[in-house]
Amino acid sequence: MSDTCTQPSVPIAPSRLRRFACMMYEGVLLFGVIFLAGYLFDTLTQSRNGMMLRHARQGFLFLAMGVYFLACWRRGGQTLPMKTWNIRLTDRGGQPLRGTRMALRYVLLWPLPLLTALLIGGLSRAIGWPSLDLLIVAAPFSIFIWTWFDPQRQFLHDRLLGTELHDLRLPTP
């Protein structure tokens, strides 16, 4: 007799709410990473204000955040917030990520939020409502749009790279 209640063969992605909470926690930790990296940059370059060497600073902070994420993902596929919320990053086979794929995931995470921020800024200038610029805080959450269309609720950058976020609270098939 066959069992009609079988578990799905597709890993279950964490809920959007849990990923959102993880992002908020990640933002708190990134504040510290960016503060320390900015302090290091200012010390090394003798910058006196945030507008000096602005593009170099942005590049340095981008690399500092990348080092943070790659170092965390390399050790078990989790940052501290991902551990707290029981979320793990793996490839589609459930194996840990290595090298190039981790770096590509970090880079591919950025285009959608940056395009959303550009759209918000352009719309604000076009209609003449500077207060619309406040919506810029919503730009990072634009990565969630794709999860409404993806059958496994994965992010677009994960779908493109063959990576997945797994909910560790649920049993794996």
N, C-alpha and C. Protein backbone atom coordinates (compact mmCIF):
# COMPACT_ATOMS: atom_id res chain seq x y z
N MET A 1 0.84 -1.17 0.00
CA MET A 1 0.00 0.00 0.00
C MET A 1 0.89 1.24 0.00
N SER A 2 0.63 2.16 -0.90
CA SER A 2 1.48 3.35 -1.00
C SER A 2 0.98 4.44 -0.07
N ASP A 3 1.91 5.23 0.36
CA ASP A 3 1.60 6.34 1.26
C ASP A 3 1.20 7.55 0.41
N THR A 4 0.00 8.07 0.61
CA THR A 4 -0.46 9.20 -0.18
C THR A 4 0.04 10.52 0.35
N CYS A 5 0.54 10.55 1.56
CA CYS A 5 1.05 11.79 2.16
C CYS A 5 2.56 11.80 2.06
N THR A 6 3.09 12.07 0.89
CA THR A 6 4.54 12.12 0.73
C THR A 6 5.00 13.56 0.82
N GLN A 7 6.22 13.71 1.25
CA GLN A 7 6.79 15.05 1.34
C GLN A 7 7.16 15.53 -0.05
N PRO A 8 7.14 16.84 -0.27
CA PRO A 8 7.52 17.35 -1.58
C PRO A 8 8.98 17.06 -1.86
N SER A 9 9.29 16.83 -3.14
CA SER A 9 10.68 16.53 -3.51
C SER A 9 11.49 17.81 -3.65
N VAL A 10 10.83 18.96 -3.60
CA VAL A 10 11.51 20.24 -3.74
C VAL A 10 11.75 20.83 -2.35
N PRO A 11 12.95 21.30 -2.07
CA PRO A 11 13.20 21.89 -0.76
C PRO A 11 12.28 23.10 -0.53
N ILE A 12 11.88 23.26 0.69
CA ILE A 12 11.01 24.36 1.06
C ILE A 12 11.87 25.59 1.37
N ALA A 13 11.56 26.68 0.70
CA ALA A 13 12.26 27.93 0.96
C ALA A 13 11.69 28.57 2.23
N PRO A 14 12.49 29.35 2.93
CA PRO A 14 11.97 30.06 4.09
C PRO A 14 10.87 31.03 3.67
N SER A 15 9.98 31.32 4.57
CA SER A 15 8.90 32.26 4.25
C SER A 15 9.48 33.64 3.97
N ARG A 16 8.71 34.44 3.25
CA ARG A 16 9.15 35.80 2.97
C ARG A 16 9.32 36.60 4.26
N LEU A 17 8.44 36.37 5.21
CA LEU A 17 8.52 37.09 6.49
C LEU A 17 9.83 36.76 7.21
N ARG A 18 10.22 35.50 7.22
CA ARG A 18 11.47 35.12 7.88
C ARG A 18 12.68 35.67 7.13
N ARG A 19 12.63 35.69 5.80
CA ARG A 19 13.73 36.28 5.03
C ARG A 19 13.79 37.79 5.26
N PHE A 20 12.63 38.43 5.39
CA PHE A 20 12.59 39.86 5.67
C PHE A 20 13.20 40.13 7.05
N ALA A 21 12.83 39.35 8.04
CA ALA A 21 13.38 39.52 9.39
C ALA A 21 14.90 39.29 9.36
N CYS A 22 15.33 38.32 8.61
CA CYS A 22 16.76 38.04 8.47
C CYS A 22 17.47 39.24 7.84
N MET A 23 16.84 39.86 6.83
CA MET A 23 17.42 41.04 6.20
C MET A 23 17.56 42.20 7.18
N MET A 24 16.55 42.37 8.03
CA MET A 24 16.59 43.46 9.00
C MET A 24 17.75 43.24 9.99
N TYR A 25 17.90 42.02 10.45
CA TYR A 25 18.99 41.68 11.36
C TYR A 25 20.33 41.86 10.63
N GLU A 26 20.38 41.45 9.38
CA GLU A 26 21.60 41.60 8.57
C GLU A 26 21.97 43.07 8.45
N GLY A 27 20.97 43.93 8.31
CA GLY A 27 21.22 45.37 8.22
C GLY A 27 21.87 45.92 9.47
N VAL A 28 21.47 45.41 10.63
CA VAL A 28 22.06 45.85 11.89
C VAL A 28 23.54 45.46 11.92
N LEU A 29 23.85 44.23 11.52
CA LEU A 29 25.24 43.78 11.52
C LEU A 29 26.06 44.52 10.47
N LEU A 30 25.45 44.78 9.31
CA LEU A 30 26.17 45.49 8.25
C LEU A 30 26.49 46.92 8.66
N PHE A 31 25.68 47.51 9.53
CA PHE A 31 26.00 48.84 10.05
C PHE A 31 27.39 48.81 10.69
N GLY A 32 27.67 47.80 11.48
CA GLY A 32 28.97 47.66 12.11
C GLY A 32 30.08 47.40 11.11
N VAL A 33 29.82 46.53 10.14
CA VAL A 33 30.81 46.23 9.10
C VAL A 33 31.16 47.50 8.32
N ILE A 34 30.14 48.25 7.94
CA ILE A 34 30.36 49.47 7.16
C ILE A 34 31.05 50.54 8.01
N PHE A 35 30.67 50.64 9.27
CA PHE A 35 31.32 51.61 10.14
C PHE A 35 32.82 51.32 10.26
N LEU A 36 33.16 50.05 10.52
CA LEU A 36 34.57 49.70 10.67
C LEU A 36 35.34 49.85 9.36
N ALA A 37 34.73 49.44 8.25
CA ALA A 37 35.38 49.58 6.95
C ALA A 37 35.55 51.06 6.59
N GLY A 38 34.54 51.87 6.88
CA GLY A 38 34.65 53.30 6.62
C GLY A 38 35.73 53.96 7.47
N TYR A 39 35.82 53.54 8.72
CA TYR A 39 36.87 54.06 9.61
C TYR A 39 38.25 53.67 9.07
N LEU A 40 38.39 52.42 8.64
CA LEU A 40 39.66 51.97 8.07
C LEU A 40 40.00 52.76 6.81
N PHE A 41 39.01 52.96 5.94
CA PHE A 41 39.23 53.72 4.71
C PHE A 41 39.68 55.15 5.04
N ASP A 42 38.98 55.80 5.97
CA ASP A 42 39.32 57.17 6.33
C ASP A 42 40.72 57.25 6.95
N THR A 43 41.07 56.26 7.73
CA THR A 43 42.39 56.25 8.35
C THR A 43 43.48 56.07 7.30
N LEU A 44 43.27 55.15 6.39
CA LEU A 44 44.28 54.87 5.37
C LEU A 44 44.42 56.00 4.35
N THR A 45 43.33 56.68 4.05
CA THR A 45 43.37 57.73 3.01
C THR A 45 43.43 59.14 3.60
N GLN A 46 43.34 59.25 4.92
CA GLN A 46 43.32 60.54 5.60
C GLN A 46 42.16 61.42 5.11
N SER A 47 41.03 60.78 4.81
CA SER A 47 39.83 61.51 4.39
C SER A 47 39.30 62.31 5.57
N ARG A 48 38.80 63.50 5.28
CA ARG A 48 38.27 64.37 6.33
C ARG A 48 36.75 64.40 6.36
N ASN A 49 36.13 63.97 5.26
CA ASN A 49 34.65 63.91 5.24
C ASN A 49 34.21 62.86 4.23
N GLY A 50 32.92 62.55 4.26
CA GLY A 50 32.37 61.48 3.44
C GLY A 50 32.37 61.75 1.94
N MET A 51 32.55 63.01 1.55
CA MET A 51 32.55 63.33 0.12
C MET A 51 33.94 63.24 -0.50
N MET A 52 34.97 63.20 0.33
CA MET A 52 36.32 63.03 -0.21
C MET A 52 36.46 61.59 -0.71
N LEU A 53 36.98 61.44 -1.89
CA LEU A 53 37.20 60.12 -2.47
C LEU A 53 35.92 59.28 -2.45
N ARG A 54 34.82 59.90 -2.78
CA ARG A 54 33.50 59.29 -2.65
C ARG A 54 33.37 57.96 -3.39
N HIS A 55 33.81 57.92 -4.66
CA HIS A 55 33.66 56.69 -5.44
C HIS A 55 34.60 55.58 -4.94
N ALA A 56 35.78 55.97 -4.52
CA ALA A 56 36.70 54.98 -3.96
C ALA A 56 36.12 54.42 -2.66
N ARG A 57 35.51 55.28 -1.85
CA ARG A 57 34.87 54.85 -0.60
C ARG A 57 33.75 53.86 -0.89
N GLN A 58 32.91 54.17 -1.87
CA GLN A 58 31.80 53.28 -2.22
C GLN A 58 32.32 51.92 -2.68
N GLY A 59 33.36 51.94 -3.51
CA GLY A 59 33.96 50.68 -3.95
C GLY A 59 34.54 49.87 -2.80
N PHE A 60 35.21 50.57 -1.89
CA PHE A 60 35.81 49.91 -0.73
C PHE A 60 34.73 49.29 0.16
N LEU A 61 33.63 50.02 0.39
CA LEU A 61 32.55 49.50 1.23
C LEU A 61 31.85 48.33 0.54
N PHE A 62 31.69 48.39 -0.79
CA PHE A 62 31.12 47.29 -1.54
C PHE A 62 31.98 46.03 -1.35
N LEU A 63 33.30 46.19 -1.45
CA LEU A 63 34.20 45.06 -1.25
C LEU A 63 34.17 44.55 0.19
N ALA A 64 34.09 45.46 1.15
CA ALA A 64 34.05 45.06 2.57
C ALA A 64 32.80 44.23 2.85
N MET A 65 31.65 44.66 2.33
CA MET A 65 30.42 43.88 2.52
C MET A 65 30.54 42.53 1.81
N GLY A 66 31.15 42.52 0.63
CA GLY A 66 31.35 41.27 -0.09
C GLY A 66 32.22 40.30 0.69
N VAL A 67 33.28 40.80 1.28
CA VAL A 67 34.15 39.95 2.11
C VAL A 67 33.37 39.37 3.28
N TYR A 68 32.54 40.21 3.92
CA TYR A 68 31.72 39.74 5.03
C TYR A 68 30.81 38.58 4.59
N PHE A 69 30.06 38.78 3.50
CA PHE A 69 29.13 37.74 3.06
C PHE A 69 29.86 36.49 2.60
N LEU A 70 30.91 36.64 1.80
CA LEU A 70 31.63 35.47 1.31
C LEU A 70 32.28 34.69 2.45
N ALA A 71 32.83 35.38 3.43
CA ALA A 71 33.44 34.69 4.58
C ALA A 71 32.38 33.91 5.35
N CYS A 72 31.20 34.50 5.51
CA CYS A 72 30.14 33.80 6.25
C CYS A 72 29.58 32.63 5.44
N TRP A 73 29.29 32.85 4.17
CA TRP A 73 28.72 31.78 3.34
C TRP A 73 29.70 30.63 3.16
N ARG A 74 30.98 30.93 3.20
CA ARG A 74 32.00 29.90 3.02
C ARG A 74 32.00 28.92 4.19
N ARG A 75 31.64 29.42 5.37
CA ARG A 75 31.59 28.59 6.56
C ARG A 75 30.16 28.15 6.84
N GLY A 76 29.68 27.19 6.10
CA GLY A 76 28.38 26.61 6.39
C GLY A 76 27.20 27.25 5.67
N GLY A 77 27.44 28.22 4.79
CA GLY A 77 26.36 28.80 4.02
C GLY A 77 25.42 29.69 4.82
N GLN A 78 25.91 30.24 5.93
CA GLN A 78 25.05 31.05 6.78
C GLN A 78 25.80 32.24 7.37
N THR A 79 25.13 33.39 7.40
CA THR A 79 25.59 34.52 8.19
C THR A 79 24.97 34.34 9.58
N LEU A 80 25.34 35.18 10.53
CA LEU A 80 24.75 35.07 11.87
C LEU A 80 23.22 35.22 11.83
N PRO A 81 22.67 36.21 11.09
CA PRO A 81 21.20 36.28 11.01
C PRO A 81 20.58 35.04 10.35
N MET A 82 21.26 34.46 9.38
CA MET A 82 20.74 33.25 8.74
C MET A 82 20.73 32.09 9.74
N LYS A 83 21.74 32.02 10.60
CA LYS A 83 21.75 30.99 11.64
C LYS A 83 20.60 31.21 12.61
N THR A 84 20.39 32.46 12.99
CA THR A 84 19.31 32.79 13.93
C THR A 84 17.95 32.39 13.37
N TRP A 85 17.75 32.65 12.08
CA TRP A 85 16.45 32.38 11.45
C TRP A 85 16.40 31.03 10.75
N ASN A 86 17.42 30.16 10.97
CA ASN A 86 17.45 28.80 10.43
C ASN A 86 17.30 28.78 8.91
N ILE A 87 18.15 29.55 8.26
CA ILE A 87 18.17 29.62 6.80
C ILE A 87 19.58 29.28 6.35
N ARG A 88 19.69 28.44 5.32
CA ARG A 88 21.01 28.08 4.79
C ARG A 88 21.03 28.25 3.29
N LEU A 89 22.15 28.73 2.79
CA LEU A 89 22.39 28.90 1.36
C LEU A 89 23.16 27.70 0.84
N THR A 90 22.62 27.05 -0.20
CA THR A 90 23.29 25.90 -0.81
C THR A 90 23.11 25.97 -2.32
N ASP A 91 23.73 25.00 -3.01
CA ASP A 91 23.42 24.87 -4.43
C ASP A 91 22.15 24.02 -4.55
N ARG A 92 21.69 23.77 -5.75
CA ARG A 92 20.42 23.03 -5.92
C ARG A 92 20.50 21.60 -5.41
N GLY A 93 21.69 21.07 -5.30
CA GLY A 93 21.86 19.72 -4.78
C GLY A 93 21.98 19.68 -3.27
N GLY A 94 21.89 20.83 -2.62
CA GLY A 94 22.01 20.87 -1.17
C GLY A 94 23.44 20.96 -0.67
N GLN A 95 24.39 21.13 -1.59
CA GLN A 95 25.80 21.19 -1.21
C GLN A 95 26.22 22.64 -0.96
N PRO A 96 27.23 22.84 -0.11
CA PRO A 96 27.71 24.21 0.15
C PRO A 96 28.25 24.85 -1.12
N LEU A 97 28.17 26.16 -1.18
CA LEU A 97 28.67 26.91 -2.33
C LEU A 97 30.18 27.06 -2.23
N ARG A 98 30.80 27.25 -3.38
CA ARG A 98 32.24 27.47 -3.43
C ARG A 98 32.53 28.68 -4.31
N GLY A 99 33.63 29.34 -4.02
CA GLY A 99 34.26 30.40 -4.79
C GLY A 99 33.44 31.31 -5.67
N THR A 100 33.52 31.05 -6.97
CA THR A 100 32.95 31.93 -7.97
C THR A 100 31.45 32.10 -7.81
N ARG A 101 30.76 31.04 -7.51
CA ARG A 101 29.30 31.12 -7.38
C ARG A 101 28.89 32.01 -6.21
N MET A 102 29.64 31.97 -5.12
CA MET A 102 29.33 32.86 -3.99
C MET A 102 29.55 34.32 -4.38
N ALA A 103 30.66 34.58 -5.06
CA ALA A 103 30.95 35.96 -5.48
C ALA A 103 29.92 36.46 -6.48
N LEU A 104 29.53 35.60 -7.42
CA LEU A 104 28.49 35.99 -8.39
C LEU A 104 27.15 36.25 -7.70
N ARG A 105 26.84 35.47 -6.68
CA ARG A 105 25.58 35.69 -5.96
C ARG A 105 25.60 37.06 -5.30
N TYR A 106 26.72 37.42 -4.70
CA TYR A 106 26.82 38.73 -4.06
C TYR A 106 26.66 39.85 -5.10
N VAL A 107 27.31 39.72 -6.23
CA VAL A 107 27.23 40.76 -7.26
C VAL A 107 25.83 40.82 -7.87
N LEU A 108 25.21 39.67 -8.14
CA LEU A 108 23.89 39.66 -8.77
C LEU A 108 22.77 40.07 -7.81
N LEU A 109 23.07 40.15 -6.55
CA LEU A 109 22.08 40.61 -5.59
C LEU A 109 21.79 42.11 -5.76
N TRP A 110 22.73 42.86 -6.31
CA TRP A 110 22.66 44.31 -6.36
C TRP A 110 21.85 44.94 -7.48
N PRO A 111 21.80 44.43 -8.70
CA PRO A 111 21.15 45.17 -9.79
C PRO A 111 19.69 45.56 -9.54
N LEU A 112 18.87 44.67 -9.05
CA LEU A 112 17.45 44.99 -8.87
C LEU A 112 17.24 46.11 -7.84
N PRO A 113 17.85 46.06 -6.65
CA PRO A 113 17.68 47.19 -5.73
C PRO A 113 18.25 48.50 -6.28
N LEU A 114 19.37 48.44 -7.00
CA LEU A 114 19.94 49.66 -7.56
C LEU A 114 19.04 50.25 -8.64
N LEU A 115 18.48 49.40 -9.49
CA LEU A 115 17.54 49.88 -10.51
C LEU A 115 16.28 50.46 -9.87
N THR A 116 15.81 49.85 -8.80
CA THR A 116 14.64 50.38 -8.08
C THR A 116 14.96 51.75 -7.49
N ALA A 117 16.14 51.90 -6.91
CA ALA A 117 16.54 53.19 -6.35
C ALA A 117 16.64 54.24 -7.45
N LEU A 118 17.18 53.87 -8.60
CA LEU A 118 17.28 54.78 -9.74
C LEU A 118 15.89 55.19 -10.22
N LEU A 119 14.98 54.25 -10.29
CA LEU A 119 13.61 54.53 -10.70
C LEU A 119 12.93 55.49 -9.72
N ILE A 120 13.11 55.27 -8.44
CA ILE A 120 12.52 56.15 -7.42
C ILE A 120 13.08 57.57 -7.55
N GLY A 121 14.39 57.67 -7.70
CA GLY A 121 15.02 58.98 -7.86
C GLY A 121 14.55 59.69 -9.12
N GLY A 122 14.46 58.95 -10.23
CA GLY A 122 13.98 59.55 -11.48
C GLY A 122 12.54 59.98 -11.40
N LEU A 123 11.71 59.18 -10.78
CA LEU A 123 10.29 59.52 -10.62
C LEU A 123 10.13 60.76 -9.74
N SER A 124 10.93 60.84 -8.68
CA SER A 124 10.88 61.99 -7.78
C SER A 124 11.22 63.28 -8.52
N ARG A 125 12.26 63.22 -9.37
CA ARG A 125 12.64 64.41 -10.14
C ARG A 125 11.62 64.73 -11.22
N ALA A 126 11.07 63.70 -11.85
CA ALA A 126 10.13 63.91 -12.95
C ALA A 126 8.83 64.57 -12.50
N ILE A 127 8.32 64.18 -11.35
CA ILE A 127 7.04 64.75 -10.91
C ILE A 127 7.22 65.91 -9.94
N GLY A 128 8.48 66.16 -9.54
CA GLY A 128 8.75 67.32 -8.70
C GLY A 128 8.38 67.15 -7.24
N TRP A 129 8.30 65.94 -6.78
CA TRP A 129 8.00 65.68 -5.36
C TRP A 129 9.26 65.15 -4.68
N PRO A 130 10.09 66.00 -4.13
CA PRO A 130 11.31 65.52 -3.47
C PRO A 130 11.04 64.57 -2.31
N SER A 131 9.87 64.68 -1.71
CA SER A 131 9.55 63.78 -0.58
C SER A 131 9.44 62.33 -1.03
N LEU A 132 9.23 62.11 -2.32
CA LEU A 132 9.16 60.75 -2.85
C LEU A 132 10.50 60.02 -2.68
N ASP A 133 11.59 60.78 -2.54
CA ASP A 133 12.90 60.18 -2.32
C ASP A 133 12.94 59.32 -1.06
N LEU A 134 12.03 59.55 -0.14
CA LEU A 134 11.98 58.74 1.08
C LEU A 134 11.70 57.27 0.77
N LEU A 135 11.09 57.00 -0.37
CA LEU A 135 10.80 55.60 -0.75
C LEU A 135 12.07 54.81 -1.07
N ILE A 136 13.20 55.48 -1.10
CA ILE A 136 14.46 54.81 -1.38
C ILE A 136 14.74 53.69 -0.37
N VAL A 137 14.20 53.81 0.83
CA VAL A 137 14.41 52.78 1.85
C VAL A 137 13.74 51.46 1.44
N ALA A 138 12.79 51.50 0.51
CA ALA A 138 12.11 50.28 0.06
C ALA A 138 12.89 49.57 -1.04
N ALA A 139 13.89 50.20 -1.63
CA ALA A 139 14.62 49.62 -2.76
C ALA A 139 15.23 48.24 -2.47
N PRO A 140 15.84 48.02 -1.30
CA PRO A 140 16.41 46.69 -1.06
C PRO A 140 15.39 45.56 -1.08
N PHE A 141 14.14 45.89 -0.81
CA PHE A 141 13.12 44.86 -0.73
C PHE A 141 12.55 44.49 -2.10
N SER A 142 13.02 45.18 -3.13
CA SER A 142 12.57 44.85 -4.49
C SER A 142 13.03 43.44 -4.89
N ILE A 143 14.03 42.89 -4.22
CA ILE A 143 14.45 41.53 -4.55
C ILE A 143 13.36 40.51 -4.24
N PHE A 144 12.40 40.87 -3.41
CA PHE A 144 11.31 39.95 -3.06
C PHE A 144 10.28 39.81 -4.19
N ILE A 145 10.24 40.73 -5.12
CA ILE A 145 9.23 40.69 -6.19
C ILE A 145 9.26 39.36 -6.93
N TRP A 146 10.45 38.90 -7.28
CA TRP A 146 10.57 37.65 -8.04
C TRP A 146 10.02 36.46 -7.26
N THR A 147 10.09 36.47 -5.95
CA THR A 147 9.65 35.31 -5.15
C THR A 147 8.16 35.05 -5.30
N TRP A 148 7.39 36.04 -5.73
CA TRP A 148 5.95 35.85 -5.94
C TRP A 148 5.69 35.06 -7.23
N PHE A 149 6.67 35.02 -8.13
CA PHE A 149 6.49 34.33 -9.41
C PHE A 149 7.25 33.01 -9.48
N ASP A 150 8.24 32.83 -8.64
CA ASP A 150 9.07 31.64 -8.67
C ASP A 150 8.35 30.48 -7.97
N PRO A 151 8.31 29.30 -8.60
CA PRO A 151 7.58 28.17 -7.99
C PRO A 151 8.13 27.74 -6.62
N GLN A 152 9.44 27.89 -6.40
CA GLN A 152 10.03 27.52 -5.12
C GLN A 152 10.27 28.75 -4.23
N ARG A 153 9.74 29.91 -4.61
CA ARG A 153 9.85 31.16 -3.87
C ARG A 153 11.30 31.59 -3.64
N GLN A 154 12.17 31.28 -4.60
CA GLN A 154 13.57 31.68 -4.49
C GLN A 154 13.74 33.08 -5.10
N PHE A 155 14.81 33.77 -4.72
CA PHE A 155 15.14 35.07 -5.29
C PHE A 155 15.61 34.88 -6.73
N LEU A 156 15.52 35.95 -7.53
CA LEU A 156 15.94 35.89 -8.92
C LEU A 156 17.43 35.54 -9.04
N HIS A 157 18.27 36.15 -8.23
CA HIS A 157 19.70 35.86 -8.32
C HIS A 157 19.99 34.40 -7.94
N ASP A 158 19.21 33.82 -7.05
CA ASP A 158 19.38 32.39 -6.73
C ASP A 158 18.92 31.52 -7.89
N ARG A 159 17.83 31.87 -8.51
CA ARG A 159 17.32 31.11 -9.66
C ARG A 159 18.36 31.14 -10.78
N LEU A 160 18.94 32.30 -11.06
CA LEU A 160 19.91 32.43 -12.15
C LEU A 160 21.19 31.64 -11.89
N LEU A 161 21.60 31.55 -10.64
CA LEU A 161 22.87 30.90 -10.31
C LEU A 161 22.74 29.44 -9.88
N GLY A 162 21.51 28.96 -9.74
CA GLY A 162 21.34 27.58 -9.29
C GLY A 162 21.62 27.41 -7.81
N THR A 163 21.35 28.46 -7.03
CA THR A 163 21.51 28.37 -5.59
C THR A 163 20.13 28.43 -4.95
N GLU A 164 20.06 28.05 -3.68
CA GLU A 164 18.76 28.02 -2.98
C GLU A 164 18.93 28.41 -1.52
N LEU A 165 17.89 28.99 -0.99
CA LEU A 165 17.80 29.20 0.45
C LEU A 165 16.91 28.11 1.01
N HIS A 166 17.37 27.43 2.05
CA HIS A 166 16.63 26.33 2.65
C HIS A 166 16.15 26.72 4.04
N ASP A 167 14.95 26.29 4.35
CA ASP A 167 14.39 26.46 5.69
C ASP A 167 14.85 25.25 6.50
N LEU A 168 15.73 25.47 7.47
CA LEU A 168 16.29 24.36 8.25
C LEU A 168 15.36 23.84 9.32
N ARG A 169 14.26 24.52 9.55
CA ARG A 169 13.29 24.04 10.55
C ARG A 169 12.47 22.88 10.00
N LEU A 170 12.35 22.82 8.68
CA LEU A 170 11.55 21.77 8.07
C LEU A 170 12.42 20.59 7.70
N PRO A 171 11.88 19.37 7.80
CA PRO A 171 12.69 18.20 7.42
C PRO A 171 12.98 18.21 5.93
N THR A 172 14.21 17.83 5.59
CA THR A 172 14.56 17.76 4.16
C THR A 172 14.07 16.42 3.62
N PRO A 173 13.68 16.39 2.36
CA PRO A 173 13.15 15.14 1.78
C PRO A 173 14.22 14.09 1.62
